[in-house]
Amino acid sequence: MGMITTYRDREFADGYNDYAPLEEETGIKFQILVLEGHRTETLHSKDREMAILVIEGQGSLSVNGQAETFNRANWIDQNPVVAHLPAGAEATITTENRSRFAVITTANDQHFDARIYTTGDIDVEHRGKDILDGTCYRLVRLAFDGTIAPPNAKLVLGEVLNFPGKWSSYPPHHHVQAEIYYYEFSSKDGYGHGELGDEVYKIKHQDILKITDARDHSQVSAPGYYMYYIWVIRHMDGAPYAGFEYTKPYDKLLQ
């Protein structure tokens, strides 16, 4: 389905919901884990780095003796709790109600210390607030990148809350590392448009956009709908992600 992988027009099933075609092109495996009611799930990989991001729900998350509770009613008002594990480490999730998680893994057998990032650890940037009449104002929530995570980690992870009718990832920008965007809307019938180079895709609830080949990207949400997306980047060997470059001549809009 082009650069979009989708679960449109169907609900996620209990358990793991896999966006299978992604890894071959991006090096990133992305799943939505749904746990119905009071449940306990143990997550482990012997040869893959893993991140677990709480999208919605209530319960607890424990990694290597560190335990944190979470109670995230929605992604508009609240930051996530995020666990980040090296290969061989184990995480345990216990839920009190129906809960949803993004489970992201990538091949990486190098060791680093596991960690849980609490809601207070998440860095929230009010990006674009004072430029272009607020038309590209959004919240960028950074869980971890190369300045926060251990040097042996391969993943970069965060969220964006795109306000109704506004742009994000704007002005358009690019970077050589592969990236994915996983989208949700409030309400679920919302939509937006995502640019990828000269192509434009209609984005709907539960879509994933694959960003490869250093293509320029930005997006906009339809008026009346919050657009939320999880963004994941994988460091390239010899070229770790250290930021993006705005596309010319749109970079002049920031002056």
Protein backbone atom coordinates (compact mmCIF):
# COMPACT_ATOMS: atom_id res chain seq x y z
CA MET A 1 0.00 0.00 0.00
CA GLY A 2 2.66 2.48 -1.03
CA MET A 3 4.42 4.16 1.85
CA ILE A 4 1.41 3.74 4.17
CA THR A 5 0.82 0.63 6.26
CA THR A 6 -2.65 0.57 7.77
CA TYR A 7 -5.15 -0.97 10.14
CA ARG A 8 -7.95 1.26 8.82
CA ASP A 9 -11.59 0.34 9.44
CA ARG A 10 -10.90 -2.36 12.01
CA GLU A 11 -10.22 -2.47 15.71
CA PHE A 12 -7.02 -3.84 17.12
CA ALA A 13 -7.41 -7.36 18.45
CA ASP A 14 -6.40 -8.39 21.95
CA GLY A 15 -2.69 -9.16 21.92
CA TYR A 16 -0.10 -8.08 19.35
CA ASN A 17 -1.11 -6.27 16.17
CA ASP A 18 1.81 -6.29 13.78
CA TYR A 19 2.66 -3.75 11.05
CA ALA A 20 4.64 -6.42 9.27
CA PRO A 21 6.12 -4.80 6.10
CA LEU A 22 7.98 -2.05 7.96
CA GLU A 23 11.15 -3.72 9.11
CA GLU A 24 12.59 -4.63 5.72
CA GLU A 25 12.60 -0.96 4.65
CA THR A 26 13.28 0.80 7.95
CA GLY A 27 14.98 -1.66 10.31
CA ILE A 28 12.15 -0.95 12.78
CA LYS A 29 9.51 -3.45 13.90
CA PHE A 30 6.31 -1.80 15.18
CA GLN A 31 3.43 -3.48 17.00
CA ILE A 32 0.39 -2.33 18.93
CA LEU A 33 -0.14 -4.47 22.02
CA VAL A 34 -3.68 -4.51 23.43
CA LEU A 35 -4.33 -5.99 26.87
CA GLU A 36 -7.98 -6.33 27.80
CA GLY A 37 -8.99 -5.89 31.45
CA HIS A 38 -6.77 -7.06 34.30
CA ARG A 39 -3.83 -8.73 32.62
CA THR A 40 -0.11 -9.38 33.02
CA GLU A 41 2.27 -9.67 30.07
CA THR A 42 6.02 -10.25 30.06
CA LEU A 43 8.04 -8.86 27.13
CA HIS A 44 11.52 -10.09 26.27
CA SER A 45 13.86 -10.36 23.29
CA LYS A 46 17.19 -12.11 23.31
CA ASP A 47 18.71 -10.15 20.42
CA ARG A 48 16.63 -6.99 19.91
CA GLU A 49 16.48 -3.58 21.55
CA MET A 50 12.95 -2.75 22.68
CA ALA A 51 10.89 0.30 23.61
CA ILE A 52 7.41 0.13 25.15
CA LEU A 53 5.28 3.28 25.06
CA VAL A 54 1.98 3.55 26.93
CA ILE A 55 -0.59 4.98 24.52
CA GLU A 56 -3.58 4.59 26.79
CA GLY A 57 -4.57 2.68 29.92
CA GLN A 58 -3.91 2.09 33.58
CA GLY A 59 -1.53 -0.27 35.35
CA SER A 60 2.15 -0.74 36.13
CA LEU A 61 5.33 -1.31 34.16
CA SER A 62 8.45 -2.87 35.66
CA VAL A 63 11.96 -3.34 34.29
CA ASN A 64 14.94 -4.73 36.23
CA GLY A 65 13.52 -3.84 39.61
CA GLN A 66 12.26 -0.40 38.59
CA ALA A 67 8.48 -0.22 38.69
CA GLU A 68 6.26 2.67 37.62
CA THR A 69 2.50 3.04 37.57
CA PHE A 70 0.73 4.62 34.62
CA ASN A 71 -2.74 6.09 34.23
CA ARG A 72 -3.09 7.66 30.80
CA ALA A 73 -6.68 8.43 29.91
CA ASN A 74 -5.76 10.08 26.60
CA TRP A 75 -2.80 11.35 24.60
CA ILE A 76 -4.09 14.92 24.33
CA ASP A 77 -3.55 15.94 27.94
CA GLN A 78 -0.99 13.47 29.28
CA ASN A 79 2.57 12.38 28.59
CA PRO A 80 3.43 8.71 28.13
CA VAL A 81 5.40 6.33 30.32
CA VAL A 82 8.11 4.62 28.25
CA ALA A 83 10.37 1.64 28.94
CA HIS A 84 13.64 1.18 27.03
CA LEU A 85 15.38 -2.19 27.17
CA PRO A 86 18.50 -3.79 25.71
CA ALA A 87 18.47 -7.29 24.26
CA GLY A 88 18.08 -9.88 27.00
CA ALA A 89 16.23 -7.62 29.44
CA GLU A 90 12.66 -8.27 30.52
CA ALA A 91 9.66 -6.01 31.11
CA THR A 92 6.43 -6.88 32.88
CA ILE A 93 3.16 -5.03 32.24
CA THR A 94 0.17 -5.37 34.55
CA THR A 95 -3.04 -3.63 33.47
CA GLU A 96 -6.17 -2.62 35.39
CA ASN A 97 -8.30 -1.92 32.32
CA ARG A 98 -8.08 -2.10 28.54
CA SER A 99 -4.67 -0.68 27.68
CA ARG A 100 -2.74 -0.07 24.49
CA PHE A 101 1.02 0.05 24.00
CA ALA A 102 3.39 0.67 21.13
CA VAL A 103 6.08 -2.02 21.14
CA ILE A 104 9.06 -1.06 19.00
CA THR A 105 12.09 -3.25 18.43
CA THR A 106 15.22 -3.23 16.29
CA ALA A 107 18.16 -5.57 15.83
CA ASN A 108 20.80 -4.66 18.41
CA ASP A 109 22.72 -7.09 20.62
CA GLN A 110 24.79 -4.41 22.38
CA HIS A 111 24.21 -4.00 26.11
CA PHE A 112 23.01 -0.87 27.89
CA ASP A 113 21.12 -0.21 31.10
CA ALA A 114 17.35 -0.56 30.91
CA ARG A 115 15.30 2.41 32.03
CA ILE A 116 11.73 3.58 32.49
CA TYR A 117 10.97 7.18 31.52
CA THR A 118 8.12 8.58 33.61
CA THR A 119 5.66 11.25 32.50
CA GLY A 120 7.87 13.82 34.26
CA ASP A 121 10.95 12.65 32.36
CA ILE A 122 9.40 13.35 28.95
CA ASP A 123 10.74 16.57 27.46
CA VAL A 124 7.85 18.61 26.00
CA GLU A 125 8.68 21.29 23.42
CA HIS A 126 6.10 23.85 22.32
CA ARG A 127 7.51 23.89 18.82
CA GLY A 128 6.33 26.53 16.36
CA LYS A 129 4.32 28.42 18.98
CA ASP A 130 5.63 31.90 18.17
CA ILE A 131 6.14 31.65 14.40
CA LEU A 132 3.91 31.82 11.31
CA ASP A 133 0.91 33.02 13.36
CA GLY A 134 0.86 29.71 15.26
CA THR A 135 -0.14 27.71 12.19
CA CYS A 136 2.55 25.07 12.86
CA TYR A 137 2.30 25.07 16.65
CA ARG A 138 2.46 21.54 18.09
CA LEU A 139 3.73 19.68 21.14
CA VAL A 140 6.82 17.54 20.56
CA ARG A 141 7.29 15.01 23.35
CA LEU A 142 10.77 13.49 23.36
CA ALA A 143 11.18 10.21 25.25
CA PHE A 144 14.83 9.63 24.35
CA ASP A 145 17.37 10.38 21.64
CA GLY A 146 21.15 10.21 21.31
CA THR A 147 21.62 12.86 24.00
CA ILE A 148 19.53 10.94 26.54
CA ALA A 149 19.75 7.23 25.76
CA PRO A 150 22.95 5.17 26.24
CA PRO A 151 25.47 5.26 23.36
CA ASN A 152 24.82 1.62 22.45
CA ALA A 153 21.11 2.23 21.81
CA LYS A 154 19.84 2.30 18.24
CA LEU A 155 16.36 3.81 18.70
CA VAL A 156 15.10 7.39 18.98
CA LEU A 157 11.51 7.79 20.20
CA GLY A 158 8.93 10.49 20.79
CA GLU A 159 5.41 11.74 20.15
CA VAL A 160 3.78 14.76 18.52
CA LEU A 161 0.41 16.25 19.38
CA ASN A 162 -0.75 18.03 16.23
CA PHE A 163 -3.50 20.53 17.02
CA PRO A 164 -6.62 20.61 14.81
CA GLY A 165 -6.12 22.41 11.51
CA LYS A 166 -2.41 23.01 12.11
CA TRP A 167 0.82 21.71 10.59
CA SER A 168 3.65 19.77 12.17
CA SER A 169 7.11 18.67 11.05
CA TYR A 170 6.99 22.09 9.40
CA PRO A 171 8.82 23.65 7.65
CA PRO A 172 9.51 20.40 5.75
CA HIS A 173 12.70 18.69 6.80
CA HIS A 174 14.77 15.60 6.05
CA HIS A 175 17.45 13.31 7.46
CA VAL A 176 19.23 10.24 6.12
CA GLN A 177 18.01 7.88 8.86
CA ALA A 178 14.80 5.90 8.32
CA GLU A 179 11.78 6.97 10.38
CA ILE A 180 8.19 5.88 10.91
CA TYR A 181 5.12 7.82 12.04
CA TYR A 182 2.23 5.96 13.69
CA TYR A 183 -0.99 8.05 13.76
CA GLU A 184 -4.16 8.24 15.80
CA PHE A 185 -6.95 10.82 15.64
CA SER A 186 -9.49 12.24 18.06
CA SER A 187 -12.09 11.40 17.02
CA LYS A 188 -11.29 8.21 15.09
CA ASP A 189 -12.97 9.46 11.91
CA GLY A 190 -10.45 12.31 11.69
CA TYR A 191 -7.82 12.57 9.01
CA GLY A 192 -4.88 14.62 7.80
CA HIS A 193 -2.39 14.77 4.95
CA GLY A 194 1.25 13.78 5.01
CA GLU A 195 3.86 14.95 2.54
CA LEU A 196 6.69 12.63 1.55
CA GLY A 197 8.84 14.33 -1.04
CA ASP A 198 6.43 15.38 -3.81
CA GLU A 199 3.85 12.75 -2.85
CA VAL A 200 0.91 13.50 -0.56
CA TYR A 201 -0.90 10.79 1.41
CA LYS A 202 -4.27 10.97 3.15
CA ILE A 203 -3.58 9.91 6.73
CA LYS A 204 -6.24 8.15 8.80
CA HIS A 205 -6.53 6.56 12.24
CA GLN A 206 -3.97 3.77 12.87
CA ASP A 207 -1.92 4.46 9.74
CA ILE A 208 1.85 4.30 9.60
CA LEU A 209 3.91 6.43 7.21
CA LYS A 210 7.33 5.11 6.25
CA ILE A 211 9.99 7.79 5.71
CA THR A 212 13.07 6.60 3.83
CA ASP A 213 15.68 7.81 1.36
CA ALA A 214 16.08 11.21 3.09
CA ARG A 215 12.74 12.40 1.69
CA ASP A 216 11.29 15.70 2.87
CA HIS A 217 8.31 15.30 5.17
CA SER A 218 5.64 17.36 6.93
CA GLN A 219 1.91 17.00 7.66
CA VAL A 220 -1.31 18.77 8.52
CA SER A 221 -4.42 17.76 10.45
CA ALA A 222 -7.94 18.51 9.22
CA PRO A 223 -9.75 21.21 11.24
CA GLY A 224 -11.73 19.74 14.12
CA TYR A 225 -9.41 16.77 14.71
CA TYR A 226 -6.39 16.28 16.94
CA MET A 227 -3.73 14.24 15.18
CA TYR A 228 -1.30 12.28 17.36
CA TYR A 229 1.70 10.41 16.13
CA ILE A 230 4.53 8.35 17.54
CA TRP A 231 7.80 8.93 15.72
CA VAL A 232 10.61 6.39 15.70
CA ILE A 233 14.04 6.75 14.13
CA ARG A 234 16.79 4.15 13.92
CA HIS A 235 20.40 5.30 14.14
CA MET A 236 22.42 4.28 11.08
CA ASP A 237 25.77 2.59 11.61
CA GLY A 238 28.33 5.36 11.28
CA ALA A 239 25.61 8.01 10.99
CA PRO A 240 23.60 8.32 14.20
CA TYR A 241 20.61 10.62 14.18
CA ALA A 242 21.58 14.05 15.52
CA GLY A 243 18.76 16.20 14.18
CA PHE A 244 17.21 17.20 10.87
CA GLU A 245 17.79 19.75 8.12
CA TYR A 246 15.05 22.10 6.98
CA THR A 247 14.31 21.97 3.28
CA LYS A 248 15.25 25.03 1.22
CA PRO A 249 13.77 27.53 0.56
CA TYR A 250 11.25 26.91 3.35
CA ASP A 251 13.93 27.31 6.00
CA LYS A 252 13.67 31.06 5.37
CA LEU A 253 10.27 31.01 7.05
CA LEU A 254 12.05 30.66 10.39
CA GLN A 255 14.01 33.89 10.00
